[in-house]
N, C-alpha and C. Protein backbone atom coordinates (compact mmCIF):
# COMPACT_ATOMS: atom_id res chain seq x y z
N MET A 1 93.71 47.13 192.63
CA MET A 1 93.85 48.36 193.24
C MET A 1 93.08 48.36 194.60
N PRO A 2 93.67 48.83 195.63
CA PRO A 2 92.98 48.88 196.89
C PRO A 2 91.89 50.06 196.89
N TYR A 3 90.64 49.53 197.10
CA TYR A 3 89.58 50.50 197.09
C TYR A 3 89.44 51.09 198.52
N ILE A 4 90.00 52.25 198.70
CA ILE A 4 90.03 52.84 200.05
C ILE A 4 88.68 53.34 200.48
N LYS A 5 88.57 53.47 201.75
CA LYS A 5 87.18 53.80 202.31
C LYS A 5 86.87 55.27 201.90
N LYS A 6 85.54 55.47 201.87
CA LYS A 6 84.99 56.78 201.43
C LYS A 6 85.64 57.99 202.18
N GLU A 7 85.83 57.80 203.49
CA GLU A 7 86.41 58.89 204.33
C GLU A 7 87.80 59.35 203.83
N LYS A 8 88.64 58.26 203.48
CA LYS A 8 89.98 58.57 202.94
C LYS A 8 89.89 59.30 201.54
N ARG A 9 89.02 58.76 200.75
CA ARG A 9 88.81 59.39 199.47
C ARG A 9 88.44 60.82 199.54
N GLU A 10 87.50 61.11 200.50
CA GLU A 10 87.06 62.50 200.69
C GLU A 10 88.24 63.43 201.14
N SER A 11 89.15 62.84 201.79
CA SER A 11 90.34 63.53 202.28
C SER A 11 91.26 63.83 201.16
N LEU A 12 91.50 62.86 200.28
CA LEU A 12 92.43 62.90 199.22
C LEU A 12 91.90 63.64 197.95
N ASP A 13 90.59 63.55 197.71
CA ASP A 13 90.04 64.15 196.48
C ASP A 13 90.27 65.57 196.25
N PRO A 14 90.21 66.41 197.26
CA PRO A 14 90.54 67.92 197.04
C PRO A 14 92.01 68.09 196.57
N MET A 15 92.92 67.31 197.10
CA MET A 15 94.23 67.49 196.68
C MET A 15 94.47 66.97 195.23
N ILE A 16 93.81 65.88 194.88
CA ILE A 16 93.85 65.35 193.49
C ILE A 16 93.20 66.37 192.62
N ALA A 17 92.13 67.06 192.91
CA ALA A 17 91.34 67.98 192.02
C ALA A 17 92.41 69.11 191.87
N SER A 18 93.06 69.60 192.90
CA SER A 18 93.98 70.70 192.75
C SER A 18 95.09 70.34 191.79
N LEU A 19 95.73 69.13 191.90
CA LEU A 19 96.68 68.63 191.08
C LEU A 19 96.16 68.51 189.66
N ASN A 20 95.05 68.09 189.44
CA ASN A 20 94.41 67.93 188.07
C ASN A 20 94.32 69.36 187.48
N GLU A 21 93.91 70.33 188.23
CA GLU A 21 93.92 71.72 187.79
C GLU A 21 95.27 72.24 187.30
N LYS A 22 96.27 71.85 188.02
CA LYS A 22 97.68 72.19 187.60
C LYS A 22 98.04 71.50 186.35
N PHE A 23 97.73 70.19 186.23
CA PHE A 23 98.00 69.48 185.05
C PHE A 23 97.27 69.99 183.86
N ASP A 24 96.00 70.52 184.10
CA ASP A 24 95.25 71.16 183.02
C ASP A 24 96.07 72.33 182.42
N LEU A 25 96.77 73.06 183.27
CA LEU A 25 97.51 74.23 182.81
C LEU A 25 98.84 73.85 182.28
N LEU A 26 99.58 72.89 182.93
CA LEU A 26 100.92 72.63 182.55
C LEU A 26 101.07 71.40 181.71
N GLY A 27 100.07 70.56 181.59
CA GLY A 27 100.18 69.19 180.96
C GLY A 27 100.57 68.13 182.00
N VAL A 28 100.37 66.94 181.55
CA VAL A 28 100.64 65.83 182.45
C VAL A 28 102.03 65.25 182.09
N THR A 29 102.28 65.12 180.76
CA THR A 29 103.54 64.51 180.36
C THR A 29 104.79 65.24 181.02
N GLY A 30 105.63 64.52 181.63
CA GLY A 30 106.76 64.95 182.36
C GLY A 30 106.50 65.45 183.74
N ASN A 31 105.34 66.12 183.83
CA ASN A 31 105.02 66.77 185.20
C ASN A 31 104.53 65.66 186.11
N LEU A 32 103.77 64.71 185.59
CA LEU A 32 103.40 63.59 186.42
C LEU A 32 104.58 62.72 186.91
N ASN A 33 105.53 62.54 186.04
CA ASN A 33 106.80 61.83 186.45
C ASN A 33 107.50 62.61 187.52
N TYR A 34 107.54 63.86 187.45
CA TYR A 34 108.23 64.80 188.46
C TYR A 34 107.49 64.62 189.81
N VAL A 35 106.13 64.62 189.78
CA VAL A 35 105.37 64.53 191.01
C VAL A 35 105.64 63.23 191.63
N LEU A 36 105.52 62.13 190.86
CA LEU A 36 105.72 60.79 191.38
C LEU A 36 107.10 60.57 191.97
N TYR A 37 108.09 61.13 191.26
CA TYR A 37 109.50 60.99 191.75
C TYR A 37 109.64 61.69 193.06
N ASN A 38 109.07 62.84 193.21
CA ASN A 38 109.15 63.55 194.47
C ASN A 38 108.38 62.89 195.58
N ILE A 39 107.33 62.28 195.32
CA ILE A 39 106.56 61.53 196.37
C ILE A 39 107.45 60.40 196.81
N ALA A 40 107.99 59.63 195.86
CA ALA A 40 108.91 58.47 196.20
C ALA A 40 110.09 59.04 197.11
N ARG A 41 110.74 60.02 196.59
CA ARG A 41 111.86 60.58 197.31
C ARG A 41 111.59 60.98 198.68
N TYR A 42 110.33 61.49 198.93
CA TYR A 42 109.96 62.04 200.24
C TYR A 42 109.61 60.81 201.13
N HIS A 43 108.94 59.80 200.60
CA HIS A 43 108.34 58.75 201.41
C HIS A 43 109.14 57.46 201.49
N CYS A 44 110.14 57.27 200.66
CA CYS A 44 110.91 56.07 200.63
C CYS A 44 112.24 56.30 201.25
N ALA A 45 112.63 55.38 202.10
CA ALA A 45 113.86 55.51 202.89
C ALA A 45 114.82 54.38 202.60
N ASN A 46 114.36 53.27 201.99
CA ASN A 46 115.25 52.10 201.79
C ASN A 46 114.73 51.31 200.63
N TYR A 47 115.50 50.25 200.34
CA TYR A 47 115.13 49.43 199.12
C TYR A 47 113.68 48.92 199.27
N ALA A 48 113.32 48.44 200.42
CA ALA A 48 112.00 47.76 200.55
C ALA A 48 110.88 48.87 200.36
N SER A 49 111.02 50.05 200.78
CA SER A 49 109.99 51.06 200.61
C SER A 49 109.93 51.48 199.14
N TYR A 50 111.08 51.58 198.44
CA TYR A 50 111.04 51.86 196.99
C TYR A 50 110.42 50.75 196.28
N ALA A 51 110.71 49.51 196.65
CA ALA A 51 110.07 48.36 196.02
C ALA A 51 108.52 48.40 196.14
N ALA A 52 108.14 48.68 197.34
CA ALA A 52 106.68 48.79 197.68
C ALA A 52 106.09 49.98 196.81
N PHE A 53 106.74 51.12 196.75
CA PHE A 53 106.26 52.18 195.93
C PHE A 53 106.11 51.75 194.44
N ILE A 54 107.15 51.15 193.96
CA ILE A 54 107.07 50.70 192.51
C ILE A 54 105.93 49.70 192.30
N GLY A 55 105.72 48.89 193.35
CA GLY A 55 104.55 47.95 193.28
C GLY A 55 103.26 48.68 193.25
N GLU A 56 103.04 49.81 193.96
CA GLU A 56 101.92 50.61 193.95
C GLU A 56 101.71 51.24 192.57
N LEU A 57 102.82 51.66 191.88
CA LEU A 57 102.79 52.21 190.57
C LEU A 57 102.31 51.13 189.56
N GLU A 58 102.84 49.97 189.70
CA GLU A 58 102.48 48.79 188.87
C GLU A 58 101.01 48.45 189.00
N ALA A 59 100.52 48.42 190.22
CA ALA A 59 99.15 48.12 190.45
C ALA A 59 98.22 49.20 189.88
N ALA A 60 98.62 50.45 189.98
CA ALA A 60 97.81 51.52 189.38
C ALA A 60 97.84 51.39 187.86
N LYS A 61 98.96 51.05 187.33
CA LYS A 61 99.04 50.86 185.84
C LYS A 61 98.04 49.82 185.38
N LEU A 62 98.04 48.69 186.09
CA LEU A 62 97.14 47.61 185.76
C LEU A 62 95.67 47.97 185.89
N GLU A 63 95.37 48.79 186.92
CA GLU A 63 94.01 49.17 187.18
C GLU A 63 93.55 50.13 186.06
N ILE A 64 94.47 51.01 185.71
CA ILE A 64 94.12 51.93 184.57
C ILE A 64 93.82 51.08 183.28
N TYR A 65 94.64 50.10 183.04
CA TYR A 65 94.32 49.28 181.87
C TYR A 65 93.03 48.56 182.01
N ARG A 66 92.87 47.94 183.13
CA ARG A 66 91.60 47.16 183.34
C ARG A 66 90.30 47.94 183.28
N LYS A 67 90.38 49.17 183.91
CA LYS A 67 89.09 49.96 184.02
C LYS A 67 88.84 50.90 182.87
N LEU A 68 90.03 51.45 182.25
CA LEU A 68 89.84 52.51 181.29
C LEU A 68 90.18 52.12 179.85
N ILE A 69 91.20 51.19 179.67
CA ILE A 69 91.65 50.84 178.33
C ILE A 69 90.90 49.65 177.86
N ALA A 70 90.87 48.64 178.69
CA ALA A 70 90.19 47.39 178.22
C ALA A 70 88.80 47.52 177.72
N PRO A 71 87.96 48.30 178.36
CA PRO A 71 86.58 48.46 177.84
C PRO A 71 86.62 49.09 176.43
N TYR A 72 87.47 50.01 176.23
CA TYR A 72 87.59 50.64 174.86
C TYR A 72 88.04 49.61 173.82
N GLU A 73 89.06 48.76 174.19
CA GLU A 73 89.45 47.68 173.33
C GLU A 73 88.36 46.74 173.00
N GLU A 74 87.55 46.35 174.05
CA GLU A 74 86.44 45.48 173.83
C GLU A 74 85.44 46.02 172.90
N LEU A 75 85.20 47.34 172.93
CA LEU A 75 84.21 48.06 172.11
C LEU A 75 84.73 48.02 170.64
N LYS A 76 86.04 48.29 170.49
CA LYS A 76 86.56 48.29 169.12
C LYS A 76 86.66 46.89 168.52
N GLU A 77 86.87 45.87 169.30
CA GLU A 77 86.81 44.53 168.82
C GLU A 77 85.45 44.15 168.38
N LYS A 78 84.37 44.60 169.12
CA LYS A 78 83.03 44.37 168.65
C LYS A 78 82.69 45.07 167.35
N GLU A 79 83.23 46.27 167.25
CA GLU A 79 82.99 47.05 165.96
C GLU A 79 83.73 46.53 164.83
N ASN A 80 84.99 46.06 165.01
CA ASN A 80 85.91 45.82 163.89
C ASN A 80 86.15 44.28 163.71
N GLY A 81 85.77 43.46 164.70
CA GLY A 81 86.12 42.12 164.73
C GLY A 81 87.44 41.84 165.32
N SER A 82 87.61 40.52 165.80
CA SER A 82 88.83 40.09 166.40
C SER A 82 90.00 39.96 165.44
N ILE A 83 91.14 40.12 165.89
CA ILE A 83 92.37 39.96 164.99
C ILE A 83 92.69 38.53 164.79
């Protein structure tokens, strides 16, 4: 995942916080899909840009797994043993 500079994060974080508040009210399931679809529809104009967008989604998925899920799995493996 590209670790963007602090200045960019400071610019994006208020929008993300606002979106998270909406998701708290409405739920994430389905609504996140709608948001991502509309971002792609707005920013992508051709096959290459859609492919790059999908690549960004894949990279985000891998980073979520690496940073959020894998540590949990490591903990559970220590608690319960390897399969």
